[in-house]
Each structure stands twice: as structure tokens, then as C-alpha cells.
C-alpha atoms as a PDB file:
ATOM      1  CA  UNK A   1      10.078  11.648 -32.508  1.00  0.00           C
ATOM      2  CA  UNK A   2      11.305  11.278 -28.896  1.00  0.00           C
ATOM      3  CA  UNK A   3       8.811  10.844 -26.096  1.00  0.00           C
ATOM      4  CA  UNK A   4       8.070  13.998 -24.117  1.00  0.00           C
ATOM      5  CA  UNK A   5       9.835  14.305 -20.785  1.00  0.00           C
ATOM      6  CA  UNK A   6       7.792  13.430 -17.725  1.00  0.00           C
ATOM      7  CA  UNK A   7       6.845  16.350 -15.522  1.00  0.00           C
ATOM      8  CA  UNK A   8       7.921  16.380 -11.908  1.00  0.00           C
ATOM      9  CA  UNK A   9       5.495  17.826  -9.381  1.00  0.00           C
ATOM     10  CA  UNK A  10       6.140  18.994  -5.825  1.00  0.00           C
ATOM     11  CA  UNK A  11       2.581  18.607  -4.526  1.00  0.00           C
ATOM     12  CA  UNK A  12      -0.854  17.298  -5.481  1.00  0.00           C
ATOM     13  CA  UNK A  13      -4.146  18.974  -4.610  1.00  0.00           C
ATOM     14  CA  UNK A  14      -7.436  17.068  -4.780  1.00  0.00           C
ATOM     15  CA  UNK A  15     -10.555  19.244  -4.873  1.00  0.00           C
ATOM     16  CA  UNK A  16     -13.766  17.671  -3.531  1.00  0.00           C
ATOM     17  CA  UNK A  17     -16.904  19.728  -4.223  1.00  0.00           C
ATOM     18  CA  UNK A  18     -19.735  18.767  -1.862  1.00  0.00           C
ATOM     19  CA  UNK A  19     -23.350  19.738  -1.270  1.00  0.00           C
ATOM     20  CA  UNK A  20     -24.978  18.216   1.824  1.00  0.00           C
ATOM     21  CA  UNK A  21     -22.580  15.269   1.873  1.00  0.00           C
ATOM     22  CA  UNK A  22     -21.939  15.014   5.618  1.00  0.00           C
ATOM     23  CA  UNK A  23     -22.709  11.287   5.611  1.00  0.00           C
ATOM     24  CA  UNK A  24     -20.294  10.539   2.743  1.00  0.00           C
ATOM     25  CA  UNK A  25     -17.453  12.987   3.404  1.00  0.00           C
ATOM     26  CA  UNK A  26     -15.722  10.911   6.117  1.00  0.00           C
ATOM     27  CA  UNK A  27     -15.281   7.892   3.823  1.00  0.00           C
ATOM     28  CA  UNK A  28     -14.347  10.112   0.878  1.00  0.00           C
ATOM     29  CA  UNK A  29     -11.754  12.022   2.909  1.00  0.00           C
ATOM     30  CA  UNK A  30     -10.224   8.817   4.264  1.00  0.00           C
ATOM     31  CA  UNK A  31     -10.107   7.278   0.774  1.00  0.00           C
ATOM     32  CA  UNK A  32      -8.358  10.285  -0.767  1.00  0.00           C
ATOM     33  CA  UNK A  33      -5.901  10.500   2.139  1.00  0.00           C
ATOM     34  CA  UNK A  34      -5.162   6.766   1.912  1.00  0.00           C
ATOM     35  CA  UNK A  35      -4.561   7.017  -1.834  1.00  0.00           C
ATOM     36  CA  UNK A  36      -2.321  10.010  -1.173  1.00  0.00           C
ATOM     37  CA  UNK A  37      -0.078   7.869   1.009  1.00  0.00           C
ATOM     38  CA  UNK A  38       0.970   6.041  -2.164  1.00  0.00           C
ATOM     39  CA  UNK A  39       2.066   9.256  -3.868  1.00  0.00           C
ATOM     40  CA  UNK A  40       5.732  10.250  -3.780  1.00  0.00           C
ATOM     41  CA  UNK A  41       4.721  13.871  -3.102  1.00  0.00           C
ATOM     42  CA  UNK A  42       2.564  15.573  -0.450  1.00  0.00           C
ATOM     43  CA  UNK A  43      -1.174  15.481  -1.176  1.00  0.00           C
ATOM     44  CA  UNK A  44      -3.606  18.103   0.088  1.00  0.00           C
ATOM     45  CA  UNK A  45      -7.390  17.808  -0.045  1.00  0.00           C
ATOM     46  CA  UNK A  46      -9.662  20.831  -0.446  1.00  0.00           C
ATOM     47  CA  UNK A  47     -13.297  20.083   0.424  1.00  0.00           C
ATOM     48  CA  UNK A  48     -15.556  22.823  -0.943  1.00  0.00           C
ATOM     49  CA  UNK A  49     -18.891  22.877   0.862  1.00  0.00           C
ATOM     50  CA  UNK A  50     -21.301  24.434  -1.626  1.00  0.00           C
ATOM     51  CA  UNK A  51     -24.520  25.710  -0.067  1.00  0.00           C
ATOM     52  CA  UNK A  52     -24.520  22.863   2.459  1.00  0.00           C
ATOM     53  CA  UNK A  53     -27.018  23.017   5.293  1.00  0.00           C
ATOM     54  CA  UNK A  54     -26.431  19.549   6.772  1.00  0.00           C
ATOM     55  CA  UNK A  55     -23.659  20.559   9.198  1.00  0.00           C
ATOM     56  CA  UNK A  56     -20.925  19.207   6.900  1.00  0.00           C
ATOM     57  CA  UNK A  57     -18.720  22.004   8.234  1.00  0.00           C
ATOM     58  CA  UNK A  58     -18.641  20.179  11.586  1.00  0.00           C
ATOM     59  CA  UNK A  59     -16.207  17.733   9.950  1.00  0.00           C
ATOM     60  CA  UNK A  60     -13.536  20.411   9.470  1.00  0.00           C
ATOM     61  CA  UNK A  61     -10.393  19.718  11.454  1.00  0.00           C
ATOM     62  CA  UNK A  62     -11.049  15.993  11.892  1.00  0.00           C
ATOM     63  CA  UNK A  63      -8.726  14.753   9.154  1.00  0.00           C
ATOM     64  CA  UNK A  64      -5.467  16.501   9.893  1.00  0.00           C
ATOM     65  CA  UNK A  65      -3.641  19.474   8.439  1.00  0.00           C
ATOM     66  CA  UNK A  66      -3.747  18.248   4.841  1.00  0.00           C
ATOM     67  CA  UNK A  67      -7.554  18.424   4.553  1.00  0.00           C
ATOM     68  CA  UNK A  68      -8.911  21.935   4.140  1.00  0.00           C
ATOM     69  CA  UNK A  69     -12.595  22.909   4.232  1.00  0.00           C
ATOM     70  CA  UNK A  70     -13.902  25.951   2.353  1.00  0.00           C
ATOM     71  CA  UNK A  71     -17.546  27.090   2.263  1.00  0.00           C
ATOM     72  CA  UNK A  72     -19.220  28.827  -0.685  1.00  0.00           C
ATOM     73  CA  UNK A  73     -22.780  29.636  -1.666  1.00  0.00           C
ATOM     74  CA  UNK A  74     -22.507  29.022  -5.407  1.00  0.00           C
ATOM     75  CA  UNK A  75     -25.142  26.330  -6.006  1.00  0.00           C
ATOM     76  CA  UNK A  76     -22.896  25.200  -8.871  1.00  0.00           C
ATOM     77  CA  UNK A  77     -20.387  22.355  -8.882  1.00  0.00           C
ATOM     78  CA  UNK A  78     -18.157  24.051 -11.464  1.00  0.00           C
ATOM     79  CA  UNK A  79     -17.971  27.237  -9.427  1.00  0.00           C
ATOM     80  CA  UNK A  80     -17.258  25.191  -6.290  1.00  0.00           C
ATOM     81  CA  UNK A  81     -14.408  23.403  -8.075  1.00  0.00           C
ATOM     82  CA  UNK A  82     -12.996  26.742  -9.255  1.00  0.00           C
ATOM     83  CA  UNK A  83     -12.959  28.010  -5.664  1.00  0.00           C
ATOM     84  CA  UNK A  84     -11.239  24.791  -4.596  1.00  0.00           C
ATOM     85  CA  UNK A  85      -8.558  25.142  -7.255  1.00  0.00           C
ATOM     86  CA  UNK A  86      -8.028  28.763  -6.237  1.00  0.00           C
ATOM     87  CA  UNK A  87      -7.580  27.711  -2.622  1.00  0.00           C
ATOM     88  CA  UNK A  88      -5.325  24.858  -3.722  1.00  0.00           C
ATOM     89  CA  UNK A  89      -3.045  27.287  -5.537  1.00  0.00           C
ATOM     90  CA  UNK A  90      -2.391  29.006  -2.215  1.00  0.00           C
ATOM     91  CA  UNK A  91      -0.996  25.704  -0.908  1.00  0.00           C
ATOM     92  CA  UNK A  92       1.595  25.409  -3.681  1.00  0.00           C
ATOM     93  CA  UNK A  93       4.904  27.213  -3.925  1.00  0.00           C
ATOM     94  CA  UNK A  94       4.716  27.288  -7.704  1.00  0.00           C
ATOM     95  CA  UNK A  95       1.544  26.606  -9.677  1.00  0.00           C
ATOM     96  CA  UNK A  96       3.635  24.991 -12.425  1.00  0.00           C
ATOM     97  CA  UNK A  97       4.846  22.352  -9.969  1.00  0.00           C
ATOM     98  CA  UNK A  98       1.437  21.441  -8.541  1.00  0.00           C
ATOM     99  CA  UNK A  99      -0.771  18.650  -9.908  1.00  0.00           C
ATOM    100  CA  UNK A 100      -4.541  19.127  -9.539  1.00  0.00           C
ATOM    101  CA  UNK A 101      -7.325  16.557  -9.455  1.00  0.00           C
ATOM    102  CA  UNK A 102     -11.012  16.671  -8.618  1.00  0.00           C
ATOM    103  CA  UNK A 103     -13.725  14.233  -7.696  1.00  0.00           C
END
């Protein structure tokens, strides 16, 4: 049986759910962006602030146009990830050609 053909993607989206992670988000964002530099396709990061009250939202806009911040009040990491994937889909031309990852 022949090996399956490798898929080709146009973009990657990394979803980062966060609850009161202001102290850790800068290092996390830099690490994901640095790893993305090694990818042969554009990489976007979607940080989903879930019920955060530590001013994490103040970090929005500090990491360039490829890092997007979204706020929700879900109190649930799965729901936060789902919101992040939904937002990530809006960044892709075709959902079939977008690769998704999460932290």
C-alpha cells in the first residue's frame, strides 16, 4: 500500500488559552513566534483570555500583527480553545488549508 500524500498547508494557527497568565504570556508569545519563524508558512497566534482579571489584555498589540488577543468569560479551557479555533478560521482563506495547534 502506498504512503498517503503529505498535505500542504497555507497557514498555521496556534491557539493559546490563558487565565490570569499575564506574567507568562510574554515568554509564551515570544516562544511561539520564534518557533513559527522556522515554519515554511505564515503562523498566527490566537491568545484567548478566559475570565482573566490580571490585566493580561494590556499585552494586546505588543507582539505584532500575527498575535491576536480575544477575551471570553467561559471559565473553561475547552470552550476557550473552541473560541480560539473559531477566530483562527477567520484568518484562513480555506479551512482545509489551515493547520491548527494549541498549547
